[in-house]
Amino acid sequence: MQENSDKNKTQNNGGLISEHDHGELGQIILLILFLVVWSADSYIFYFSTTYQVMLPVYIRILIAFVILIISAYLVSTGIKYIFSGGKKSSGLVKTGIYSKIRHPIYLGSILFYLGFIILTFSILSIATWFVIVIFYNYIALYEEKILQKRYGNEYLQYKKQVPRWIPKIV
């Protein structure tokens, strides 16, 4: 029954493998939770921002800006490649950004949160970020199981060549 449900989801997504049933809702809830924790700790209560003094604000802004640019690149490239002309067939995507990393959109999202954490060094935000990283890893593993069922050995070879999170620097 689950396999049939996966096929229906795939067909409804134009041939794309869909994410976990609660993936989108989970991402929205975690975004709201993170923004509430980060902004409340960083700008209202200052519970855990005492480490801000370790780095001057202009350095934190510069580092955060670089991380946010990388985040935007990963997300936009991943989305553009999947939903526009970059994807030439309905098969397994192994080229472009997907030849360097298996989940560029999720990694970009994780880096987005990290960029905000760097701005204020909120320890409470770091705790929330760890929950977010665990969540993204969970939905990535879920998708990989579906991809492995659908593409078999082709996907196993892809997994051996392309890392899930940290791109190989060659």
C-alpha atoms as a PDB file:
ATOM      1  CA  MET A   1       0.000   0.000   0.000  1.00  0.00           C
ATOM      2  CA  GLN A   2       2.837   2.421   0.876  1.00  0.00           C
ATOM      3  CA  GLU A   3       4.551   1.713  -2.463  1.00  0.00           C
ATOM      4  CA  ASN A   4       1.326   2.566  -4.302  1.00  0.00           C
ATOM      5  CA  SER A   5       1.066   5.806  -2.316  1.00  0.00           C
ATOM      6  CA  ASP A   6       4.678   6.653  -3.280  1.00  0.00           C
ATOM      7  CA  LYS A   7       3.859   6.094  -6.962  1.00  0.00           C
ATOM      8  CA  ASN A   8       0.862   8.426  -6.728  1.00  0.00           C
ATOM      9  CA  LYS A   9       2.980  11.109  -5.059  1.00  0.00           C
ATOM     10  CA  THR A  10       5.630  10.740  -7.741  1.00  0.00           C
ATOM     11  CA  GLN A  11       3.102  11.033 -10.550  1.00  0.00           C
ATOM     12  CA  ASN A  12       1.488  14.093  -8.940  1.00  0.00           C
ATOM     13  CA  ASN A  13       4.895  15.794  -8.724  1.00  0.00           C
ATOM     14  CA  GLY A  14       5.652  15.522 -12.408  1.00  0.00           C
ATOM     15  CA  GLY A  15       7.933  12.506 -11.965  1.00  0.00           C
ATOM     16  CA  LEU A  16       9.759  13.886  -8.925  1.00  0.00           C
ATOM     17  CA  ILE A  17      10.186  11.815  -5.828  1.00  0.00           C
ATOM     18  CA  SER A  18       8.300  13.562  -3.063  1.00  0.00           C
ATOM     19  CA  GLU A  19       9.563  14.206   0.415  1.00  0.00           C
ATOM     20  CA  HIS A  20       8.174  12.938   3.671  1.00  0.00           C
ATOM     21  CA  ASP A  21       4.432  13.522   4.220  1.00  0.00           C
ATOM     22  CA  HIS A  22       5.226  15.977   7.022  1.00  0.00           C
ATOM     23  CA  GLY A  23       8.350  17.451   5.415  1.00  0.00           C
ATOM     24  CA  GLU A  24       6.890  20.757   4.290  1.00  0.00           C
ATOM     25  CA  LEU A  25       4.897  21.292   7.475  1.00  0.00           C
ATOM     26  CA  GLY A  26       7.928  20.371   9.560  1.00  0.00           C
ATOM     27  CA  GLN A  27      10.078  22.874   7.690  1.00  0.00           C
ATOM     28  CA  ILE A  28       7.540  25.651   8.257  1.00  0.00           C
ATOM     29  CA  ILE A  29       7.142  24.841  11.952  1.00  0.00           C
ATOM     30  CA  LEU A  30      10.907  24.699  12.475  1.00  0.00           C
ATOM     31  CA  LEU A  31      11.407  27.980  10.605  1.00  0.00           C
ATOM     32  CA  ILE A  32       8.865  29.713  12.835  1.00  0.00           C
ATOM     33  CA  LEU A  33      10.321  28.111  15.965  1.00  0.00           C
ATOM     34  CA  PHE A  34      13.846  29.119  15.004  1.00  0.00           C
ATOM     35  CA  LEU A  35      12.900  32.710  14.183  1.00  0.00           C
ATOM     36  CA  VAL A  36      11.001  33.070  17.469  1.00  0.00           C
ATOM     37  CA  VAL A  37      13.857  31.609  19.531  1.00  0.00           C
ATOM     38  CA  TRP A  38      16.556  33.502  17.643  1.00  0.00           C
ATOM     39  CA  SER A  39      14.856  36.887  17.691  1.00  0.00           C
ATOM     40  CA  ALA A  40      13.643  36.584  21.302  1.00  0.00           C
ATOM     41  CA  ASP A  41      17.081  35.532  22.543  1.00  0.00           C
ATOM     42  CA  SER A  42      19.075  37.870  20.315  1.00  0.00           C
ATOM     43  CA  TYR A  43      17.048  41.061  20.613  1.00  0.00           C
ATOM     44  CA  ILE A  44      14.643  40.865  23.562  1.00  0.00           C
ATOM     45  CA  PHE A  45      15.803  38.642  26.446  1.00  0.00           C
ATOM     46  CA  TYR A  46      19.544  38.112  25.727  1.00  0.00           C
ATOM     47  CA  PHE A  47      19.498  34.748  27.552  1.00  0.00           C
ATOM     48  CA  SER A  48      22.451  33.217  25.754  1.00  0.00           C
ATOM     49  CA  THR A  49      24.144  35.867  23.646  1.00  0.00           C
ATOM     50  CA  THR A  50      27.067  36.624  25.948  1.00  0.00           C
ATOM     51  CA  TYR A  51      29.539  35.139  23.450  1.00  0.00           C
ATOM     52  CA  GLN A  52      28.842  37.927  20.947  1.00  0.00           C
ATOM     53  CA  VAL A  53      31.792  39.850  22.342  1.00  0.00           C
ATOM     54  CA  MET A  54      34.200  37.174  21.067  1.00  0.00           C
ATOM     55  CA  LEU A  55      33.940  38.522  17.526  1.00  0.00           C
ATOM     56  CA  PRO A  56      33.280  42.111  16.472  1.00  0.00           C
ATOM     57  CA  VAL A  57      29.917  42.668  14.827  1.00  0.00           C
ATOM     58  CA  TYR A  58      31.412  43.546  11.429  1.00  0.00           C
ATOM     59  CA  ILE A  59      33.227  40.178  11.288  1.00  0.00           C
ATOM     60  CA  ARG A  60      30.071  38.316  12.310  1.00  0.00           C
ATOM     61  CA  ILE A  61      28.115  40.160   9.607  1.00  0.00           C
ATOM     62  CA  LEU A  62      30.744  39.323   6.992  1.00  0.00           C
ATOM     63  CA  ILE A  63      30.816  35.613   7.928  1.00  0.00           C
ATOM     64  CA  ALA A  64      27.007  35.453   8.061  1.00  0.00           C
ATOM     65  CA  PHE A  65      26.767  37.205   4.686  1.00  0.00           C
ATOM     66  CA  VAL A  66      29.101  34.643   3.069  1.00  0.00           C
ATOM     67  CA  ILE A  67      27.162  31.741   4.603  1.00  0.00           C
ATOM     68  CA  LEU A  68      23.836  33.227   3.466  1.00  0.00           C
ATOM     69  CA  ILE A  69      25.173  33.715  -0.084  1.00  0.00           C
ATOM     70  CA  ILE A  70      26.270  30.060  -0.186  1.00  0.00           C
ATOM     71  CA  SER A  71      22.878  29.075   1.208  1.00  0.00           C
ATOM     72  CA  ALA A  72      21.023  31.071  -1.441  1.00  0.00           C
ATOM     73  CA  TYR A  73      23.219  29.599  -4.184  1.00  0.00           C
ATOM     74  CA  LEU A  74      22.580  26.006  -3.067  1.00  0.00           C
ATOM     75  CA  VAL A  75      18.831  26.459  -2.705  1.00  0.00           C
ATOM     76  CA  SER A  76      18.309  28.438  -5.912  1.00  0.00           C
ATOM     77  CA  THR A  77      20.571  26.191  -7.993  1.00  0.00           C
ATOM     78  CA  GLY A  78      18.959  23.032  -6.638  1.00  0.00           C
ATOM     79  CA  ILE A  79      15.435  24.299  -7.207  1.00  0.00           C
ATOM     80  CA  LYS A  80      16.238  25.765 -10.610  1.00  0.00           C
ATOM     81  CA  TYR A  81      17.880  22.557 -11.747  1.00  0.00           C
ATOM     82  CA  ILE A  82      14.984  20.355 -10.676  1.00  0.00           C
ATOM     83  CA  PHE A  83      12.083  22.579 -11.725  1.00  0.00           C
ATOM     84  CA  SER A  84      13.402  24.184 -14.903  1.00  0.00           C
ATOM     85  CA  GLY A  85      15.464  23.293 -17.941  1.00  0.00           C
ATOM     86  CA  GLY A  86      18.395  21.754 -16.061  1.00  0.00           C
ATOM     87  CA  LYS A  87      16.630  18.433 -15.713  1.00  0.00           C
ATOM     88  CA  LYS A  88      16.516  16.778 -19.115  1.00  0.00           C
ATOM     89  CA  SER A  89      14.662  13.572 -18.235  1.00  0.00           C
ATOM     90  CA  SER A  90      12.496  12.074 -15.544  1.00  0.00           C
ATOM     91  CA  GLY A  91      15.370   9.839 -14.415  1.00  0.00           C
ATOM     92  CA  LEU A  92      17.744  10.178 -11.503  1.00  0.00           C
ATOM     93  CA  VAL A  93      19.352  13.622 -11.388  1.00  0.00           C
ATOM     94  CA  LYS A  94      23.133  13.201 -11.140  1.00  0.00           C
ATOM     95  CA  THR A  95      24.475  16.257 -12.926  1.00  0.00           C
ATOM     96  CA  GLY A  96      24.945  19.926 -12.079  1.00  0.00           C
ATOM     97  CA  ILE A  97      24.864  20.708  -8.364  1.00  0.00           C
ATOM     98  CA  TYR A  98      23.577  17.168  -7.802  1.00  0.00           C
ATOM     99  CA  SER A  99      26.924  15.789  -8.983  1.00  0.00           C
ATOM    100  CA  LYS A 100      28.561  17.473  -5.969  1.00  0.00           C
ATOM    101  CA  ILE A 101      25.977  16.963  -3.227  1.00  0.00           C
ATOM    102  CA  ARG A 102      22.836  14.848  -2.911  1.00  0.00           C
ATOM    103  CA  HIS A 103      20.685  17.373  -1.017  1.00  0.00           C
ATOM    104  CA  PRO A 104      21.727  20.920  -1.965  1.00  0.00           C
ATOM    105  CA  ILE A 105      18.352  22.472  -1.137  1.00  0.00           C
ATOM    106  CA  TYR A 106      18.331  20.986   2.355  1.00  0.00           C
ATOM    107  CA  LEU A 107      21.977  21.933   2.932  1.00  0.00           C
ATOM    108  CA  GLY A 108      21.207  25.475   1.798  1.00  0.00           C
ATOM    109  CA  SER A 109      18.355  25.609   4.287  1.00  0.00           C
ATOM    110  CA  ILE A 110      20.595  24.378   7.102  1.00  0.00           C
ATOM    111  CA  LEU A 111      23.205  27.009   6.212  1.00  0.00           C
ATOM    112  CA  PHE A 112      20.517  29.698   6.174  1.00  0.00           C
ATOM    113  CA  TYR A 113      19.865  29.076   9.870  1.00  0.00           C
ATOM    114  CA  LEU A 114      23.590  28.934  10.599  1.00  0.00           C
ATOM    115  CA  GLY A 115      24.053  32.352   9.005  1.00  0.00           C
ATOM    116  CA  PHE A 116      21.567  33.860  11.430  1.00  0.00           C
ATOM    117  CA  ILE A 117      23.196  32.107  14.380  1.00  0.00           C
ATOM    118  CA  ILE A 118      26.575  33.600  13.454  1.00  0.00           C
ATOM    119  CA  LEU A 119      25.074  37.101  13.561  1.00  0.00           C
ATOM    120  CA  THR A 120      24.232  36.935  17.266  1.00  0.00           C
ATOM    121  CA  PHE A 121      25.924  33.807  18.678  1.00  0.00           C
ATOM    122  CA  SER A 122      22.660  32.786  20.341  1.00  0.00           C
ATOM    123  CA  ILE A 123      23.277  29.490  22.141  1.00  0.00           C
ATOM    124  CA  LEU A 124      19.526  28.805  22.330  1.00  0.00           C
ATOM    125  CA  SER A 125      19.390  29.178  18.543  1.00  0.00           C
ATOM    126  CA  ILE A 126      22.198  26.647  18.197  1.00  0.00           C
ATOM    127  CA  ALA A 127      20.129  24.135  20.188  1.00  0.00           C
ATOM    128  CA  THR A 128      17.186  24.769  17.853  1.00  0.00           C
ATOM    129  CA  TRP A 129      19.546  24.459  14.867  1.00  0.00           C
ATOM    130  CA  PHE A 130      20.599  20.970  15.973  1.00  0.00           C
ATOM    131  CA  VAL A 131      16.938  19.921  15.956  1.00  0.00           C
ATOM    132  CA  ILE A 132      16.643  21.377  12.444  1.00  0.00           C
ATOM    133  CA  VAL A 133      19.743  19.479  11.245  1.00  0.00           C
ATOM    134  CA  ILE A 134      18.335  16.221  12.667  1.00  0.00           C
ATOM    135  CA  PHE A 135      15.010  16.903  10.936  1.00  0.00           C
ATOM    136  CA  TYR A 136      16.616  17.589   7.543  1.00  0.00           C
ATOM    137  CA  ASN A 137      18.771  14.479   7.880  1.00  0.00           C
ATOM    138  CA  TYR A 138      15.645  12.451   8.660  1.00  0.00           C
ATOM    139  CA  ILE A 139      13.733  13.657   5.596  1.00  0.00           C
ATOM    140  CA  ALA A 140      16.846  13.252   3.413  1.00  0.00           C
ATOM    141  CA  LEU A 141      17.180   9.617   4.552  1.00  0.00           C
ATOM    142  CA  TYR A 142      13.477   9.096   3.845  1.00  0.00           C
ATOM    143  CA  GLU A 143      13.887  10.409   0.295  1.00  0.00           C
ATOM    144  CA  GLU A 144      16.984   8.296  -0.241  1.00  0.00           C
ATOM    145  CA  LYS A 145      15.051   5.134   0.662  1.00  0.00           C
ATOM    146  CA  ILE A 146      12.419   6.004  -1.943  1.00  0.00           C
ATOM    147  CA  LEU A 147      15.111   6.779  -4.533  1.00  0.00           C
ATOM    148  CA  GLN A 148      16.897   3.539  -3.796  1.00  0.00           C
ATOM    149  CA  LYS A 149      13.651   1.584  -4.292  1.00  0.00           C
ATOM    150  CA  ARG A 150      12.944   3.400  -7.535  1.00  0.00           C
ATOM    151  CA  TYR A 151      16.428   3.445  -9.106  1.00  0.00           C
ATOM    152  CA  GLY A 152      18.128   0.462  -7.429  1.00  0.00           C
ATOM    153  CA  ASN A 153      21.820   0.000  -8.244  1.00  0.00           C
ATOM    154  CA  GLU A 154      21.988   3.282 -10.152  1.00  0.00           C
ATOM    155  CA  TYR A 155      21.164   5.144  -6.948  1.00  0.00           C
ATOM    156  CA  LEU A 156      23.541   3.012  -4.859  1.00  0.00           C
ATOM    157  CA  GLN A 157      26.383   3.955  -7.224  1.00  0.00           C
ATOM    158  CA  TYR A 158      25.353   7.605  -7.042  1.00  0.00           C
ATOM    159  CA  LYS A 159      25.385   7.438  -3.220  1.00  0.00           C
ATOM    160  CA  LYS A 160      28.919   6.036  -3.288  1.00  0.00           C
ATOM    161  CA  GLN A 161      30.155   8.848  -5.548  1.00  0.00           C
ATOM    162  CA  VAL A 162      28.264  11.865  -4.178  1.00  0.00           C
ATOM    163  CA  PRO A 163      28.187  12.825  -0.488  1.00  0.00           C
ATOM    164  CA  ARG A 164      24.915  13.620   1.252  1.00  0.00           C
ATOM    165  CA  TRP A 165      25.959  16.862   2.978  1.00  0.00           C
ATOM    166  CA  ILE A 166      29.561  17.985   2.540  1.00  0.00           C
ATOM    167  CA  PRO A 167      30.751  18.300  -1.065  1.00  0.00           C
ATOM    168  CA  LYS A 168      34.105  16.826  -1.990  1.00  0.00           C
ATOM    169  CA  ILE A 169      36.573  19.553  -2.854  1.00  0.00           C
ATOM    170  CA  VAL A 170      38.548  18.378  -5.866  1.00  0.00           C
END
